[in-house]
């Protein structure tokens, strides 16, 4: 009978990095489920189309603008206090690069997760898919129309614009709108202002200040009065 391979595992509640026990309040069991956050859906959709340019849109101006997306992860390790360690903070960073000479780049934290292990049951899926630093980010290409449709769907539910957890998506939506406004400016109506006022009649003392023809007309007008 073949021997089953065994793998050394760290006991539950013990940090994998330095074998320091977690605080008791951090040992609560989380529901074993697969999270599906908006960031998860975006990363999965881009990985599914890797090697193909993600196109699409609704026919609005700017849908065919080519964008470069970069994802990377920032990790802030939890502080060690005595015999316990605080949870780590994992931040998914997103860089949106549009073909503009200036102000075409948006770099924002898209989502955060606080926990001890990246393979925890409640950890988002992007922690396994985007396990890289800013030096070697995950790069994708898509059209502005494709990303705009995705962001609009995230912010479609009532009250989503005011949800603080969706603030990064609101910034992405505003950035895409600015890119379109720069590349496809809409002409604005120019105010014509009030109509010009008629020139007043000159008095007799002003006859020397007008031209010869105007002076002749003025003198003829005086003779018929």
C-alpha atoms as a PDB file:
ATOM      1  CA  UNK A   1       0.000   0.000   0.000  1.00  0.00           C
ATOM      2  CA  UNK A   2       1.378   3.370  -0.985  1.00  0.00           C
ATOM      3  CA  UNK A   3       2.184   5.649   1.887  1.00  0.00           C
ATOM      4  CA  UNK A   4       0.131   8.810   2.036  1.00  0.00           C
ATOM      5  CA  UNK A   5       2.218  11.961   1.856  1.00  0.00           C
ATOM      6  CA  UNK A   6       1.857  14.147   4.898  1.00  0.00           C
ATOM      7  CA  UNK A   7       2.380  17.881   5.040  1.00  0.00           C
ATOM      8  CA  UNK A   8       3.466  19.742   8.110  1.00  0.00           C
ATOM      9  CA  UNK A   9       0.710  22.115   9.172  1.00  0.00           C
ATOM     10  CA  UNK A  10       0.816  24.921  11.711  1.00  0.00           C
ATOM     11  CA  UNK A  11      -1.666  24.485  14.529  1.00  0.00           C
ATOM     12  CA  UNK A  12      -4.802  26.646  14.309  1.00  0.00           C
ATOM     13  CA  UNK A  13      -4.333  29.972  16.015  1.00  0.00           C
ATOM     14  CA  UNK A  14      -0.583  30.066  15.385  1.00  0.00           C
ATOM     15  CA  UNK A  15       0.944  32.522  12.918  1.00  0.00           C
ATOM     16  CA  UNK A  16       2.557  30.747   9.974  1.00  0.00           C
ATOM     17  CA  UNK A  17       5.365  33.289   9.677  1.00  0.00           C
ATOM     18  CA  UNK A  18       6.738  33.481  13.200  1.00  0.00           C
ATOM     19  CA  UNK A  19       4.658  30.948  15.189  1.00  0.00           C
ATOM     20  CA  UNK A  20       3.328  33.674  17.476  1.00  0.00           C
ATOM     21  CA  UNK A  21      -0.206  32.977  18.746  1.00  0.00           C
ATOM     22  CA  UNK A  22      -3.040  35.274  17.679  1.00  0.00           C
ATOM     23  CA  UNK A  23      -5.091  37.271  20.105  1.00  0.00           C
ATOM     24  CA  UNK A  24      -8.124  35.389  21.483  1.00  0.00           C
ATOM     25  CA  UNK A  25     -10.542  37.874  19.882  1.00  0.00           C
ATOM     26  CA  UNK A  26      -9.088  37.036  16.455  1.00  0.00           C
ATOM     27  CA  UNK A  27      -9.733  33.292  16.748  1.00  0.00           C
ATOM     28  CA  UNK A  28     -13.449  33.485  15.957  1.00  0.00           C
ATOM     29  CA  UNK A  29     -14.385  31.073  13.188  1.00  0.00           C
ATOM     30  CA  UNK A  30     -15.652  32.641   9.973  1.00  0.00           C
ATOM     31  CA  UNK A  31     -18.326  31.154   7.777  1.00  0.00           C
ATOM     32  CA  UNK A  32     -16.754  28.906   5.168  1.00  0.00           C
ATOM     33  CA  UNK A  33     -17.948  30.542   1.987  1.00  0.00           C
ATOM     34  CA  UNK A  34     -16.478  31.886  -1.211  1.00  0.00           C
ATOM     35  CA  UNK A  35     -16.641  35.695  -1.203  1.00  0.00           C
ATOM     36  CA  UNK A  36     -17.694  37.421  -4.403  1.00  0.00           C
ATOM     37  CA  UNK A  37     -16.843  41.084  -4.051  1.00  0.00           C
ATOM     38  CA  UNK A  38     -16.859  43.566  -6.912  1.00  0.00           C
ATOM     39  CA  UNK A  39     -13.065  43.449  -7.019  1.00  0.00           C
ATOM     40  CA  UNK A  40     -13.214  39.642  -7.241  1.00  0.00           C
ATOM     41  CA  UNK A  41     -15.557  39.828 -10.221  1.00  0.00           C
ATOM     42  CA  UNK A  42     -13.358  42.381 -11.984  1.00  0.00           C
ATOM     43  CA  UNK A  43     -10.151  40.393 -11.510  1.00  0.00           C
ATOM     44  CA  UNK A  44     -11.806  37.122 -12.531  1.00  0.00           C
ATOM     45  CA  UNK A  45     -13.299  38.696 -15.666  1.00  0.00           C
ATOM     46  CA  UNK A  46      -9.916  40.079 -16.708  1.00  0.00           C
ATOM     47  CA  UNK A  47      -8.130  36.780 -16.065  1.00  0.00           C
ATOM     48  CA  UNK A  48     -10.796  34.953 -18.086  1.00  0.00           C
ATOM     49  CA  UNK A  49     -10.083  37.235 -21.049  1.00  0.00           C
ATOM     50  CA  UNK A  50      -6.310  37.320 -20.610  1.00  0.00           C
ATOM     51  CA  UNK A  51      -4.706  37.304 -24.034  1.00  0.00           C
ATOM     52  CA  UNK A  52      -7.800  38.919 -25.549  1.00  0.00           C
ATOM     53  CA  UNK A  53      -8.588  42.596 -25.403  1.00  0.00           C
ATOM     54  CA  UNK A  54     -11.688  43.097 -23.285  1.00  0.00           C
ATOM     55  CA  UNK A  55     -13.969  45.093 -25.536  1.00  0.00           C
ATOM     56  CA  UNK A  56     -17.563  46.146 -25.328  1.00  0.00           C
ATOM     57  CA  UNK A  57     -19.607  49.159 -24.481  1.00  0.00           C
ATOM     58  CA  UNK A  58     -22.928  50.777 -25.155  1.00  0.00           C
ATOM     59  CA  UNK A  59     -21.977  52.867 -28.171  1.00  0.00           C
ATOM     60  CA  UNK A  60     -21.208  55.997 -26.178  1.00  0.00           C
ATOM     61  CA  UNK A  61     -18.335  58.333 -27.098  1.00  0.00           C
ATOM     62  CA  UNK A  62     -15.008  56.997 -25.880  1.00  0.00           C
ATOM     63  CA  UNK A  63     -15.994  53.320 -25.741  1.00  0.00           C
ATOM     64  CA  UNK A  64     -13.061  52.336 -27.968  1.00  0.00           C
ATOM     65  CA  UNK A  65     -10.385  54.131 -25.918  1.00  0.00           C
ATOM     66  CA  UNK A  66      -7.695  51.619 -24.960  1.00  0.00           C
ATOM     67  CA  UNK A  67      -6.860  51.349 -21.253  1.00  0.00           C
ATOM     68  CA  UNK A  68      -4.077  49.577 -19.373  1.00  0.00           C
ATOM     69  CA  UNK A  69      -4.950  48.131 -15.961  1.00  0.00           C
ATOM     70  CA  UNK A  70      -2.398  47.060 -13.363  1.00  0.00           C
ATOM     71  CA  UNK A  71      -3.135  45.218 -10.119  1.00  0.00           C
ATOM     72  CA  UNK A  72      -0.761  44.685  -7.244  1.00  0.00           C
ATOM     73  CA  UNK A  73      -0.950  44.033  -3.533  1.00  0.00           C
ATOM     74  CA  UNK A  74       0.257  46.021  -0.556  1.00  0.00           C
ATOM     75  CA  UNK A  75       0.624  44.230   2.777  1.00  0.00           C
ATOM     76  CA  UNK A  76       0.821  45.976   6.136  1.00  0.00           C
ATOM     77  CA  UNK A  77       1.870  43.467   8.763  1.00  0.00           C
ATOM     78  CA  UNK A  78       0.090  43.496  12.082  1.00  0.00           C
ATOM     79  CA  UNK A  79       1.974  44.715  15.106  1.00  0.00           C
ATOM     80  CA  UNK A  80       3.405  42.220  17.555  1.00  0.00           C
ATOM     81  CA  UNK A  81       2.590  43.118  21.125  1.00  0.00           C
ATOM     82  CA  UNK A  82       3.953  40.787  23.728  1.00  0.00           C
ATOM     83  CA  UNK A  83       2.870  37.248  22.923  1.00  0.00           C
ATOM     84  CA  UNK A  84       0.174  38.255  20.418  1.00  0.00           C
ATOM     85  CA  UNK A  85       0.069  39.582  16.873  1.00  0.00           C
ATOM     86  CA  UNK A  86      -2.529  41.834  15.253  1.00  0.00           C
ATOM     87  CA  UNK A  87      -4.058  40.903  11.879  1.00  0.00           C
ATOM     88  CA  UNK A  88      -2.384  41.969   8.652  1.00  0.00           C
ATOM     89  CA  UNK A  89      -3.948  44.408   6.174  1.00  0.00           C
ATOM     90  CA  UNK A  90      -3.970  43.325   2.527  1.00  0.00           C
ATOM     91  CA  UNK A  91      -4.771  46.092   0.023  1.00  0.00           C
ATOM     92  CA  UNK A  92      -5.573  45.512  -3.641  1.00  0.00           C
ATOM     93  CA  UNK A  93      -4.217  48.451  -5.643  1.00  0.00           C
ATOM     94  CA  UNK A  94      -5.498  49.341  -9.114  1.00  0.00           C
ATOM     95  CA  UNK A  95      -3.788  51.567 -11.662  1.00  0.00           C
ATOM     96  CA  UNK A  96      -5.852  52.805 -14.618  1.00  0.00           C
ATOM     97  CA  UNK A  97      -3.703  54.215 -17.421  1.00  0.00           C
ATOM     98  CA  UNK A  98      -5.462  56.145 -20.204  1.00  0.00           C
ATOM     99  CA  UNK A  99      -3.785  57.566 -23.349  1.00  0.00           C
ATOM    100  CA  UNK A 100      -3.598  61.157 -22.128  1.00  0.00           C
ATOM    101  CA  UNK A 101      -0.548  63.403 -22.037  1.00  0.00           C
ATOM    102  CA  UNK A 102      -1.354  64.468 -18.466  1.00  0.00           C
ATOM    103  CA  UNK A 103      -3.772  63.339 -15.755  1.00  0.00           C
ATOM    104  CA  UNK A 104      -4.375  60.029 -17.524  1.00  0.00           C
ATOM    105  CA  UNK A 105      -3.313  57.789 -14.627  1.00  0.00           C
ATOM    106  CA  UNK A 106      -5.445  56.869 -11.636  1.00  0.00           C
ATOM    107  CA  UNK A 107      -3.869  54.817  -8.833  1.00  0.00           C
ATOM    108  CA  UNK A 108      -6.245  53.891  -6.011  1.00  0.00           C
ATOM    109  CA  UNK A 109      -6.742  51.233  -3.307  1.00  0.00           C
ATOM    110  CA  UNK A 110      -9.635  49.180  -4.650  1.00  0.00           C
ATOM    111  CA  UNK A 111     -10.307  46.851  -1.724  1.00  0.00           C
ATOM    112  CA  UNK A 112      -8.863  45.880   1.663  1.00  0.00           C
ATOM    113  CA  UNK A 113      -8.915  42.723   3.710  1.00  0.00           C
ATOM    114  CA  UNK A 114      -7.835  42.415   7.343  1.00  0.00           C
ATOM    115  CA  UNK A 115      -6.799  38.960   8.488  1.00  0.00           C
ATOM    116  CA  UNK A 116      -3.928  36.671   9.387  1.00  0.00           C
ATOM    117  CA  UNK A 117      -3.828  34.279   6.417  1.00  0.00           C
ATOM    118  CA  UNK A 118      -4.402  34.914   2.714  1.00  0.00           C
ATOM    119  CA  UNK A 119      -6.027  31.473   2.387  1.00  0.00           C
ATOM    120  CA  UNK A 120      -8.529  32.064   5.194  1.00  0.00           C
ATOM    121  CA  UNK A 121     -12.128  30.993   4.427  1.00  0.00           C
ATOM    122  CA  UNK A 122     -13.341  34.594   4.319  1.00  0.00           C
ATOM    123  CA  UNK A 123     -10.405  35.954   2.304  1.00  0.00           C
ATOM    124  CA  UNK A 124     -11.291  37.467  -1.093  1.00  0.00           C
ATOM    125  CA  UNK A 125     -10.295  35.582  -4.211  1.00  0.00           C
ATOM    126  CA  UNK A 126      -8.019  38.342  -5.495  1.00  0.00           C
ATOM    127  CA  UNK A 127      -5.563  37.576  -2.681  1.00  0.00           C
ATOM    128  CA  UNK A 128      -4.666  34.326  -4.437  1.00  0.00           C
ATOM    129  CA  UNK A 129      -4.814  35.739  -7.976  1.00  0.00           C
ATOM    130  CA  UNK A 130      -2.979  39.031  -7.404  1.00  0.00           C
ATOM    131  CA  UNK A 131      -0.149  37.973  -5.115  1.00  0.00           C
ATOM    132  CA  UNK A 132       2.467  40.402  -6.382  1.00  0.00           C
ATOM    133  CA  UNK A 133       4.052  43.758  -5.582  1.00  0.00           C
ATOM    134  CA  UNK A 134       4.110  47.002  -7.540  1.00  0.00           C
ATOM    135  CA  UNK A 135       7.412  45.955  -9.110  1.00  0.00           C
ATOM    136  CA  UNK A 136       5.720  43.154 -11.064  1.00  0.00           C
ATOM    137  CA  UNK A 137       2.002  43.925 -11.230  1.00  0.00           C
ATOM    138  CA  UNK A 138      -0.626  41.903 -13.043  1.00  0.00           C
ATOM    139  CA  UNK A 139      -1.268  43.744 -16.319  1.00  0.00           C
ATOM    140  CA  UNK A 140      -4.401  43.694 -18.432  1.00  0.00           C
ATOM    141  CA  UNK A 141      -5.812  45.629 -21.375  1.00  0.00           C
ATOM    142  CA  UNK A 142      -9.412  46.606 -21.945  1.00  0.00           C
ATOM    143  CA  UNK A 143     -11.501  49.290 -23.583  1.00  0.00           C
ATOM    144  CA  UNK A 144     -12.952  52.207 -21.689  1.00  0.00           C
ATOM    145  CA  UNK A 145     -16.443  51.078 -22.674  1.00  0.00           C
ATOM    146  CA  UNK A 146     -15.909  47.644 -21.116  1.00  0.00           C
ATOM    147  CA  UNK A 147     -14.654  49.064 -17.824  1.00  0.00           C
ATOM    148  CA  UNK A 148     -17.355  51.744 -17.792  1.00  0.00           C
ATOM    149  CA  UNK A 149     -20.098  49.117 -18.150  1.00  0.00           C
ATOM    150  CA  UNK A 150     -18.602  47.141 -15.252  1.00  0.00           C
ATOM    151  CA  UNK A 151     -18.298  50.183 -12.980  1.00  0.00           C
ATOM    152  CA  UNK A 152     -21.810  51.369 -13.846  1.00  0.00           C
ATOM    153  CA  UNK A 153     -23.156  47.944 -12.881  1.00  0.00           C
ATOM    154  CA  UNK A 154     -21.357  48.092  -9.525  1.00  0.00           C
ATOM    155  CA  UNK A 155     -22.834  51.523  -8.776  1.00  0.00           C
ATOM    156  CA  UNK A 156     -26.310  50.765 -10.170  1.00  0.00           C
ATOM    157  CA  UNK A 157     -28.044  49.669  -6.909  1.00  0.00           C
ATOM    158  CA  UNK A 158     -29.846  52.442  -5.002  1.00  0.00           C
ATOM    159  CA  UNK A 159     -27.567  54.162  -2.508  1.00  0.00           C
ATOM    160  CA  UNK A 160     -24.391  52.711  -3.996  1.00  0.00           C
ATOM    161  CA  UNK A 161     -22.975  56.153  -4.778  1.00  0.00           C
ATOM    162  CA  UNK A 162     -23.105  57.034  -1.066  1.00  0.00           C
ATOM    163  CA  UNK A 163     -21.688  53.710   0.169  1.00  0.00           C
ATOM    164  CA  UNK A 164     -18.194  54.428   1.594  1.00  0.00           C
ATOM    165  CA  UNK A 165     -16.992  50.938   0.654  1.00  0.00           C
ATOM    166  CA  UNK A 166     -17.733  51.744  -3.002  1.00  0.00           C
ATOM    167  CA  UNK A 167     -15.928  55.097  -2.968  1.00  0.00           C
ATOM    168  CA  UNK A 168     -13.061  53.722  -5.139  1.00  0.00           C
ATOM    169  CA  UNK A 169     -15.569  52.746  -7.821  1.00  0.00           C
ATOM    170  CA  UNK A 170     -17.051  56.250  -7.764  1.00  0.00           C
ATOM    171  CA  UNK A 171     -13.545  57.636  -8.353  1.00  0.00           C
ATOM    172  CA  UNK A 172     -13.015  55.259 -11.272  1.00  0.00           C
ATOM    173  CA  UNK A 173     -16.320  56.346 -12.785  1.00  0.00           C
ATOM    174  CA  UNK A 174     -15.372  60.018 -12.464  1.00  0.00           C
ATOM    175  CA  UNK A 175     -11.915  59.355 -13.932  1.00  0.00           C
ATOM    176  CA  UNK A 176     -13.365  57.623 -16.986  1.00  0.00           C
ATOM    177  CA  UNK A 177     -15.733  60.545 -17.481  1.00  0.00           C
ATOM    178  CA  UNK A 178     -12.806  62.985 -17.367  1.00  0.00           C
ATOM    179  CA  UNK A 179     -10.880  60.948 -19.942  1.00  0.00           C
ATOM    180  CA  UNK A 180     -13.841  61.036 -22.325  1.00  0.00           C
ATOM    181  CA  UNK A 181     -14.342  64.774 -21.787  1.00  0.00           C
ATOM    182  CA  UNK A 182     -10.697  65.457 -22.652  1.00  0.00           C
ATOM    183  CA  UNK A 183     -10.574  63.278 -25.764  1.00  0.00           C
ATOM    184  CA  UNK A 184     -14.115  64.049 -26.939  1.00  0.00           C
ATOM    185  CA  UNK A 185     -14.885  67.619 -25.811  1.00  0.00           C
ATOM    186  CA  UNK A 186     -18.488  68.712 -26.179  1.00  0.00           C
ATOM    187  CA  UNK A 187     -18.854  72.261 -27.590  1.00  0.00           C
ATOM    188  CA  UNK A 188     -20.691  74.517 -25.208  1.00  0.00           C
ATOM    189  CA  UNK A 189     -23.065  77.282 -26.256  1.00  0.00           C
ATOM    190  CA  UNK A 190     -21.435  80.711 -26.184  1.00  0.00           C
ATOM    191  CA  UNK A 191     -23.467  83.520 -24.660  1.00  0.00           C
ATOM    192  CA  UNK A 192     -23.910  86.334 -27.188  1.00  0.00           C
ATOM    193  CA  UNK A 193     -24.573  88.996 -24.597  1.00  0.00           C
ATOM    194  CA  UNK A 194     -26.979  91.938 -24.875  1.00  0.00           C
ATOM    195  CA  UNK A 195     -27.584  93.544 -28.304  1.00  0.00           C
ATOM    196  CA  UNK A 196     -25.469  96.621 -29.136  1.00  0.00           C
ATOM    197  CA  UNK A 197     -26.914  99.987 -28.175  1.00  0.00           C
ATOM    198  CA  UNK A 198     -27.634 102.561 -30.940  1.00  0.00           C
ATOM    199  CA  UNK A 199     -25.165 105.399 -31.211  1.00  0.00           C
ATOM    200  CA  UNK A 200     -26.572 108.655 -29.792  1.00  0.00           C
ATOM    201  CA  UNK A 201     -27.053 111.792 -31.887  1.00  0.00           C
ATOM    202  CA  UNK A 202     -24.212 114.270 -31.610  1.00  0.00           C
ATOM    203  CA  UNK A 203     -24.865 117.732 -30.292  1.00  0.00           C
ATOM    204  CA  UNK A 204     -23.802 120.818 -32.190  1.00  0.00           C
ATOM    205  CA  UNK A 205     -20.664 121.160 -30.110  1.00  0.00           C
ATOM    206  CA  UNK A 206     -19.586 117.698 -31.236  1.00  0.00           C
ATOM    207  CA  UNK A 207     -19.668 118.517 -34.948  1.00  0.00           C
ATOM    208  CA  UNK A 208     -15.887 118.916 -35.089  1.00  0.00           C
ATOM    209  CA  UNK A 209     -15.392 115.398 -33.733  1.00  0.00           C
ATOM    210  CA  UNK A 210     -17.312 113.581 -36.502  1.00  0.00           C
ATOM    211  CA  UNK A 211     -16.353 112.927 -40.120  1.00  0.00           C
ATOM    212  CA  UNK A 212     -17.139 115.280 -43.025  1.00  0.00           C
ATOM    213  CA  UNK A 213     -20.126 113.276 -44.278  1.00  0.00           C
ATOM    214  CA  UNK A 214     -21.618 112.999 -40.813  1.00  0.00           C
ATOM    215  CA  UNK A 215     -21.092 116.743 -40.305  1.00  0.00           C
ATOM    216  CA  UNK A 216     -22.923 117.502 -43.583  1.00  0.00           C
ATOM    217  CA  UNK A 217     -25.890 115.370 -42.556  1.00  0.00           C
ATOM    218  CA  UNK A 218     -25.924 117.073 -39.185  1.00  0.00           C
ATOM    219  CA  UNK A 219     -25.964 120.550 -40.780  1.00  0.00           C
ATOM    220  CA  UNK A 220     -28.774 119.590 -43.205  1.00  0.00           C
ATOM    221  CA  UNK A 221     -30.773 118.326 -40.274  1.00  0.00           C
ATOM    222  CA  UNK A 222     -30.286 121.674 -38.512  1.00  0.00           C
ATOM    223  CA  UNK A 223     -31.536 123.615 -41.595  1.00  0.00           C
ATOM    224  CA  UNK A 224     -34.820 121.696 -41.735  1.00  0.00           C
ATOM    225  CA  UNK A 225     -35.611 122.120 -38.095  1.00  0.00           C
END
